[in-house]
Amino acid sequence: MKYLCVLKNLFISLVTSTIIFYAINIIAGFAGADYIFTHGEIFIIWILIAILVNNCQKK
């Protein structure tokens, strides 16, 4: 049962971090910024945001 809770939290963190990353990128694009990220940079940012979301979920 603990594994299901961990997998649920992992999935929520990864999906939420993806949404946050693309939302920030789209909003910055509307403001006139033109960002070009490599695959490695996106992966690192994605994981860092997922860790942040995971830490914010803990109560």
Protein backbone atom coordinates (compact mmCIF):
# COMPACT_ATOMS: atom_id res chain seq x y z
CA MET A 1 0.00 0.00 0.00
CA LYS A 2 2.92 2.33 0.72
CA TYR A 3 4.20 1.78 -2.83
CA LEU A 4 0.95 3.02 -4.31
CA CYS A 5 1.15 6.19 -2.24
CA VAL A 6 4.74 6.79 -3.35
CA LEU A 7 3.89 6.17 -7.02
CA LYS A 8 0.88 8.49 -6.77
CA ASN A 9 3.02 11.26 -5.28
CA LEU A 10 5.71 10.73 -7.92
CA PHE A 11 3.19 10.90 -10.74
CA ILE A 12 1.58 14.04 -9.31
CA SER A 13 4.99 15.70 -8.89
CA LEU A 14 6.11 14.92 -12.44
CA VAL A 15 2.85 16.02 -14.08
CA THR A 16 2.63 19.18 -12.00
CA SER A 17 6.26 20.10 -12.73
CA THR A 18 5.65 19.65 -16.46
CA ILE A 19 2.63 21.95 -16.33
CA ILE A 20 4.52 24.56 -14.28
CA PHE A 21 7.54 24.50 -16.60
CA TYR A 22 5.52 24.95 -19.78
CA ALA A 23 3.26 27.57 -18.19
CA ILE A 24 6.27 29.68 -17.22
CA ASN A 25 7.79 29.23 -20.67
CA ILE A 26 4.55 30.20 -22.45
CA ILE A 27 4.00 33.24 -20.22
CA ALA A 28 7.60 34.34 -20.84
CA GLY A 29 7.00 33.89 -24.57
CA PHE A 30 3.98 36.19 -24.43
CA ALA A 31 6.16 38.75 -22.65
CA GLY A 32 8.60 38.65 -25.55
CA ALA A 33 11.30 36.32 -24.26
CA ASP A 34 12.69 33.70 -26.61
CA TYR A 35 14.20 30.81 -24.68
CA ILE A 36 15.92 27.89 -26.34
CA PHE A 37 16.56 24.93 -24.02
CA THR A 38 18.54 21.80 -24.75
CA HIS A 39 17.14 18.42 -23.73
CA GLY A 40 19.56 18.22 -20.80
CA GLU A 41 18.56 21.63 -19.47
CA ILE A 42 14.87 20.78 -19.69
CA PHE A 43 15.46 17.47 -17.88
CA ILE A 44 17.35 19.14 -15.02
CA ILE A 45 14.75 21.91 -14.64
CA TRP A 46 11.94 19.33 -14.79
CA ILE A 47 13.50 17.21 -12.04
CA LEU A 48 14.21 20.24 -9.83
CA ILE A 49 10.63 21.48 -10.14
CA ALA A 50 9.37 17.94 -9.38
CA ILE A 51 11.49 17.89 -6.21
CA LEU A 52 10.11 21.29 -5.21
CA VAL A 53 6.52 20.16 -5.81
CA ASN A 54 7.16 16.94 -3.87
CA ASN A 55 8.55 18.90 -0.90
CA CYS A 56 5.56 21.26 -0.98
CA GLN A 57 3.15 18.28 -0.90
CA LYS A 58 4.51 17.01 2.40
CA LYS A 59 2.59 18.31 5.38
